[in-house]
Amino acid sequence: TGLGLPLARMLAELHGGSLTLDSEKNIGTTATLLLPAARLGGAVGLGAAAGGCPPDRAAAGPS
């Protein structure tokens, strides 16, 4: 229906990121999604989400 990319861009921006598209005729299209590594207010890193380290350590950031 043509709503996918506008919704994806809006969600990226709501999370403090961006979505850009670069297209070249007869070559292809590149989509780039940039999101902040952490958000203020007690963000939990990917390691904790994947079971890589305890949540209290992930929230503190790298040591």
Protein backbone atom coordinates (compact mmCIF):
# COMPACT_ATOMS: atom_id res chain seq x y z
CA THR A 1 0.00 0.00 0.00
CA GLY A 2 3.03 2.28 0.05
CA LEU A 3 2.98 2.92 3.81
CA GLY A 4 5.98 0.79 4.81
CA LEU A 5 8.81 3.25 4.21
CA PRO A 6 7.06 6.30 5.72
CA LEU A 7 6.18 4.25 8.81
CA ALA A 8 9.74 2.90 9.08
CA ARG A 9 11.15 6.43 8.82
CA MET A 10 8.72 7.73 11.45
CA LEU A 11 9.62 4.91 13.86
CA ALA A 12 13.34 5.52 13.33
CA GLU A 13 12.91 9.23 14.05
CA LEU A 14 10.81 8.53 17.16
CA HIS A 15 13.76 6.53 18.47
CA GLY A 16 16.22 9.33 17.72
CA GLY A 17 17.50 7.82 14.49
CA SER A 18 17.02 8.14 10.77
CA LEU A 19 16.19 6.14 7.66
CA THR A 20 17.64 7.19 4.32
CA LEU A 21 17.42 5.70 0.85
CA ASP A 22 19.93 6.03 -1.97
CA SER A 23 18.96 4.70 -5.37
CA GLU A 24 20.94 4.50 -8.60
CA LYS A 25 19.31 3.52 -11.86
CA ASN A 26 20.34 0.05 -13.07
CA ILE A 27 22.44 -0.48 -9.92
CA GLY A 28 20.05 -0.75 -6.98
CA THR A 29 18.88 0.87 -3.80
CA THR A 30 20.62 1.14 -0.44
CA ALA A 31 18.57 1.68 2.72
CA THR A 32 20.45 2.98 5.77
CA LEU A 33 18.86 2.78 9.21
CA LEU A 34 20.74 4.63 11.95
CA LEU A 35 19.69 4.29 15.59
CA PRO A 36 21.43 5.56 18.72
CA ALA A 37 23.48 2.93 20.56
CA ALA A 38 21.82 3.84 23.86
CA ARG A 39 18.98 6.03 25.02
CA LEU A 40 19.02 8.22 28.11
CA GLY A 41 17.10 7.00 31.13
CA GLY A 42 18.44 3.52 31.81
CA ALA A 43 18.85 1.92 28.42
CA VAL A 44 19.85 -1.73 28.38
CA GLY A 45 22.52 -2.80 25.90
CA LEU A 46 22.21 -5.60 23.36
CA GLY A 47 24.37 -7.89 25.48
CA ALA A 48 21.75 -8.01 28.22
CA ALA A 49 18.89 -8.44 25.77
CA ALA A 50 20.65 -11.43 24.23
CA GLY A 51 21.66 -12.85 27.62
CA GLY A 52 25.28 -11.75 27.17
CA CYS A 53 25.70 -9.97 30.51
CA PRO A 54 23.62 -9.06 33.57
CA PRO A 55 21.20 -6.13 33.03
CA ASP A 56 22.81 -3.97 35.75
CA ARG A 57 26.19 -4.23 34.02
CA ALA A 58 24.75 -3.58 30.53
CA ALA A 59 22.94 -0.44 31.74
CA ALA A 60 26.20 0.89 33.19
CA GLY A 61 27.90 0.71 29.80
CA PRO A 62 31.41 -0.47 28.98
CA SER A 63 33.91 -0.57 31.83
